[in-house]
N, C-alpha and C. Protein backbone atom coordinates (compact mmCIF):
# COMPACT_ATOMS: atom_id res chain seq x y z
N UNK A 1 12.68 -20.68 -31.42
CA UNK A 1 11.73 -21.69 -30.53
C UNK A 1 10.79 -21.63 -31.31
N UNK A 2 10.03 -22.83 -31.32
CA UNK A 2 8.96 -23.18 -31.97
C UNK A 2 7.63 -22.96 -31.32
N UNK A 3 6.67 -21.95 -31.54
CA UNK A 3 5.37 -21.60 -30.41
C UNK A 3 5.14 -23.18 -30.15
N UNK A 4 4.81 -23.37 -28.96
CA UNK A 4 4.02 -24.79 -27.88
C UNK A 4 3.32 -24.30 -26.50
N UNK A 5 2.91 -22.63 -27.17
CA UNK A 5 2.02 -22.47 -25.91
C UNK A 5 0.32 -21.67 -26.99
N UNK A 6 -0.85 -22.69 -26.93
CA UNK A 6 -2.00 -22.28 -27.42
C UNK A 6 -2.46 -20.82 -26.71
N UNK A 7 -3.41 -19.96 -27.75
CA UNK A 7 -4.36 -18.88 -26.92
C UNK A 7 -5.21 -19.11 -25.83
N UNK A 8 -5.43 -20.38 -25.70
CA UNK A 8 -6.13 -20.64 -24.23
C UNK A 8 -5.25 -21.21 -23.27
N UNK A 9 -4.32 -21.84 -23.62
CA UNK A 9 -2.73 -21.74 -22.66
C UNK A 9 -2.63 -20.35 -22.10
N UNK A 10 -1.98 -19.60 -23.13
CA UNK A 10 -1.90 -18.19 -22.34
C UNK A 10 -2.86 -17.26 -21.82
N UNK A 11 -4.24 -17.29 -22.22
CA UNK A 11 -4.77 -16.63 -20.89
C UNK A 11 -5.42 -17.30 -19.56
N UNK A 12 -4.85 -18.51 -19.72
CA UNK A 12 -5.19 -19.31 -18.44
C UNK A 12 -3.82 -18.64 -17.73
N UNK A 13 -2.81 -18.66 -18.21
CA UNK A 13 -1.39 -18.75 -17.75
C UNK A 13 -1.47 -16.91 -16.91
N UNK A 14 -2.15 -16.16 -18.02
CA UNK A 14 -2.37 -14.91 -17.12
C UNK A 14 -3.35 -14.31 -16.18
N UNK A 15 -4.25 -15.85 -16.46
CA UNK A 15 -5.16 -15.49 -15.47
C UNK A 15 -4.07 -15.81 -13.69
N UNK A 16 -3.77 -16.90 -14.08
CA UNK A 16 -3.08 -17.66 -13.00
C UNK A 16 -1.89 -16.73 -12.51
N UNK A 17 -0.97 -16.34 -13.06
CA UNK A 17 -0.46 -15.55 -12.78
C UNK A 17 -0.74 -14.04 -11.84
N UNK A 18 -1.67 -13.54 -12.35
CA UNK A 18 -2.72 -12.01 -11.77
C UNK A 18 -2.77 -13.15 -10.58
N UNK A 19 -3.19 -14.00 -10.56
CA UNK A 19 -4.13 -14.73 -9.36
C UNK A 19 -2.86 -14.96 -7.83
N UNK A 20 -1.65 -15.29 -8.33
CA UNK A 20 -0.15 -15.39 -7.79
C UNK A 20 0.46 -14.03 -6.95
N UNK A 21 0.12 -13.25 -8.41
CA UNK A 21 0.54 -11.66 -7.82
C UNK A 21 -0.73 -11.34 -6.39
N UNK A 22 -1.57 -11.30 -6.77
CA UNK A 22 -2.78 -11.10 -5.42
C UNK A 22 -2.41 -11.81 -4.43
N UNK A 23 -1.94 -13.03 -4.53
CA UNK A 23 -2.07 -13.90 -3.41
C UNK A 23 -0.56 -13.83 -2.82
N UNK A 24 0.15 -13.13 -3.24
CA UNK A 24 1.67 -12.83 -2.84
C UNK A 24 1.63 -11.49 -2.31
N UNK A 25 0.81 -10.48 -2.81
CA UNK A 25 0.51 -9.41 -2.04
C UNK A 25 0.04 -9.49 -0.71
N UNK A 26 -1.04 -10.29 -0.73
CA UNK A 26 -2.17 -10.48 0.44
C UNK A 26 -1.17 -11.25 1.60
N UNK A 27 -0.29 -11.98 0.82
CA UNK A 27 0.47 -12.94 2.15
C UNK A 27 1.69 -12.19 2.37
N UNK A 28 1.76 -10.76 2.14
CA UNK A 28 2.68 -10.25 2.48
C UNK A 28 2.83 -9.90 3.65
N UNK A 29 1.66 -9.14 4.41
CA UNK A 29 1.47 -8.92 5.64
C UNK A 29 1.91 -10.37 6.82
N UNK A 30 1.06 -11.47 5.72
CA UNK A 30 1.02 -12.84 6.94
C UNK A 30 2.30 -13.48 7.02
N UNK A 31 2.99 -13.37 5.95
CA UNK A 31 4.04 -14.75 5.78
C UNK A 31 5.58 -13.74 6.09
N UNK A 32 5.28 -12.50 5.40
CA UNK A 32 6.71 -11.63 4.91
C UNK A 32 7.04 -11.93 3.62
N UNK A 33 8.38 -11.21 3.52
CA UNK A 33 7.95 -11.06 2.23
C UNK A 33 8.49 -12.47 1.46
N UNK A 34 8.91 -13.66 1.96
CA UNK A 34 8.55 -15.11 1.24
C UNK A 34 7.80 -15.15 0.58
N UNK A 35 6.28 -14.54 1.23
CA UNK A 35 5.20 -14.56 0.38
C UNK A 35 4.52 -13.78 -0.34
N UNK A 36 5.87 -13.41 -0.76
CA UNK A 36 5.40 -12.31 -1.90
C UNK A 36 6.52 -12.84 -3.03
N UNK A 37 8.15 -12.83 -2.67
CA UNK A 37 8.48 -13.76 -3.91
C UNK A 37 8.28 -14.92 -4.27
N UNK A 38 7.77 -15.80 -3.60
CA UNK A 38 7.58 -16.78 -4.59
C UNK A 38 6.37 -16.67 -5.35
N UNK A 39 5.22 -16.27 -4.86
CA UNK A 39 3.93 -16.17 -5.79
C UNK A 39 4.44 -15.14 -6.98
N UNK A 40 4.75 -14.29 -7.15
CA UNK A 40 5.65 -13.27 -7.77
C UNK A 40 6.81 -14.18 -8.94
N UNK A 41 7.66 -14.73 -8.41
CA UNK A 41 8.36 -15.54 -9.43
C UNK A 41 8.16 -16.10 -10.13
N UNK A 42 7.02 -17.24 -9.57
CA UNK A 42 6.35 -17.95 -10.71
C UNK A 42 5.21 -17.47 -11.80
N UNK A 43 4.57 -16.30 -11.26
CA UNK A 43 3.61 -15.91 -11.76
C UNK A 43 4.73 -15.19 -12.65
N UNK A 44 5.81 -14.61 -12.94
CA UNK A 44 6.56 -13.87 -13.93
C UNK A 44 7.25 -14.75 -14.37
N UNK A 45 7.48 -16.00 -14.34
CA UNK A 45 8.05 -17.24 -15.55
C UNK A 45 6.39 -17.97 -16.41
N UNK A 46 5.25 -17.68 -15.78
CA UNK A 46 4.04 -17.79 -16.31
C UNK A 46 3.98 -16.91 -17.41
N UNK A 47 4.26 -15.66 -16.75
CA UNK A 47 4.00 -14.54 -17.94
C UNK A 47 5.44 -14.46 -18.81
N UNK A 48 6.41 -14.95 -18.51
CA UNK A 48 7.55 -15.36 -19.57
C UNK A 48 6.91 -16.28 -20.96
N UNK A 49 6.75 -17.31 -20.16
CA UNK A 49 6.26 -18.49 -21.39
C UNK A 49 4.75 -18.10 -22.04
N UNK A 50 4.31 -17.05 -21.80
CA UNK A 50 3.22 -16.28 -22.85
C UNK A 50 3.89 -15.50 -23.87
N UNK A 51 4.73 -14.30 -22.96
CA UNK A 51 5.17 -13.16 -24.33
C UNK A 51 6.29 -14.39 -24.91
N UNK A 52 6.81 -15.50 -25.07
CA UNK A 52 7.35 -16.01 -25.79
C UNK A 52 6.46 -17.11 -26.60
N UNK A 53 5.30 -17.28 -25.89
CA UNK A 53 4.64 -18.58 -26.83
C UNK A 53 5.61 -19.72 -26.72
N UNK A 54 6.54 -19.94 -25.70
CA UNK A 54 6.95 -21.09 -25.64
C UNK A 54 7.47 -21.49 -24.20
N UNK A 55 7.10 -23.15 -23.94
CA UNK A 55 7.17 -23.30 -22.50
C UNK A 55 8.31 -24.40 -22.38
N UNK A 56 9.34 -24.24 -21.92
CA UNK A 56 10.27 -25.50 -21.61
C UNK A 56 9.68 -26.54 -21.09
N UNK A 57 9.24 -26.98 -20.26
CA UNK A 57 8.45 -27.58 -20.00
C UNK A 57 7.93 -28.47 -20.81
N UNK A 58 7.21 -28.14 -21.78
CA UNK A 58 6.77 -28.52 -22.81
C UNK A 58 7.61 -28.92 -23.87
N UNK A 59 8.47 -28.61 -24.06
CA UNK A 59 9.60 -28.26 -24.65
C UNK A 59 10.14 -29.68 -24.31
N UNK A 60 10.46 -30.09 -23.21
CA UNK A 60 11.50 -31.10 -22.44
C UNK A 60 10.23 -32.64 -22.91
N UNK A 61 9.04 -32.70 -22.82
CA UNK A 61 8.38 -33.77 -22.86
C UNK A 61 7.66 -33.23 -24.30
N UNK A 62 8.17 -32.74 -25.38
CA UNK A 62 7.43 -32.86 -26.80
C UNK A 62 6.25 -32.31 -26.73
N UNK A 63 5.02 -31.60 -25.59
CA UNK A 63 4.16 -31.31 -25.63
C UNK A 63 3.84 -30.12 -26.44
N UNK A 64 2.54 -30.10 -27.05
CA UNK A 64 2.41 -28.49 -28.00
C UNK A 64 0.75 -28.17 -27.45
N UNK A 65 0.35 -27.16 -27.55
CA UNK A 65 -1.05 -26.97 -27.37
C UNK A 65 -1.25 -26.10 -28.59
N UNK A 66 -0.50 -25.52 -29.30
CA UNK A 66 -0.13 -25.06 -30.40
C UNK A 66 -1.21 -26.12 -31.51
N UNK A 67 -1.92 -24.97 -32.53
CA UNK A 67 -2.66 -25.59 -33.61
C UNK A 67 -1.51 -26.48 -34.48
N UNK A 68 -1.37 -27.08 -35.18
CA UNK A 68 -0.15 -27.77 -36.10
C UNK A 68 0.19 -26.42 -37.08
N UNK A 69 -1.05 -25.77 -37.65
CA UNK A 69 -0.63 -24.89 -38.84
C UNK A 69 0.19 -23.40 -38.06
N UNK A 70 0.13 -23.11 -36.41
CA UNK A 70 0.08 -21.97 -35.78
C UNK A 70 1.93 -22.13 -35.22
N UNK A 71 2.82 -23.52 -35.67
CA UNK A 71 3.47 -23.94 -34.95
C UNK A 71 4.80 -23.33 -35.97
N UNK A 72 5.07 -21.71 -35.82
CA UNK A 72 6.53 -21.27 -36.51
C UNK A 72 6.91 -20.51 -35.83
N UNK A 73 8.03 -20.12 -35.70
CA UNK A 73 8.88 -19.24 -34.82
C UNK A 73 8.42 -17.99 -33.68
N UNK A 74 8.47 -17.64 -32.81
CA UNK A 74 7.60 -16.65 -31.85
C UNK A 74 8.21 -15.21 -32.47
């Protein structure tokens, strides 16, 4: 897998995943278990893309936010 997620993109994804975790915990009492599972699952996907430095959606469309010299195997 070639890197297609930049450092800035990674920071945004981590912030979003943490925000989704907080939203999930807050919704647990209001909506029930689905209020926790859905945001946490999306956050886990975002976190996985950060760890792998690779986004499957970016790969499908041929997008990359990595610098040209940083596009090496993760």
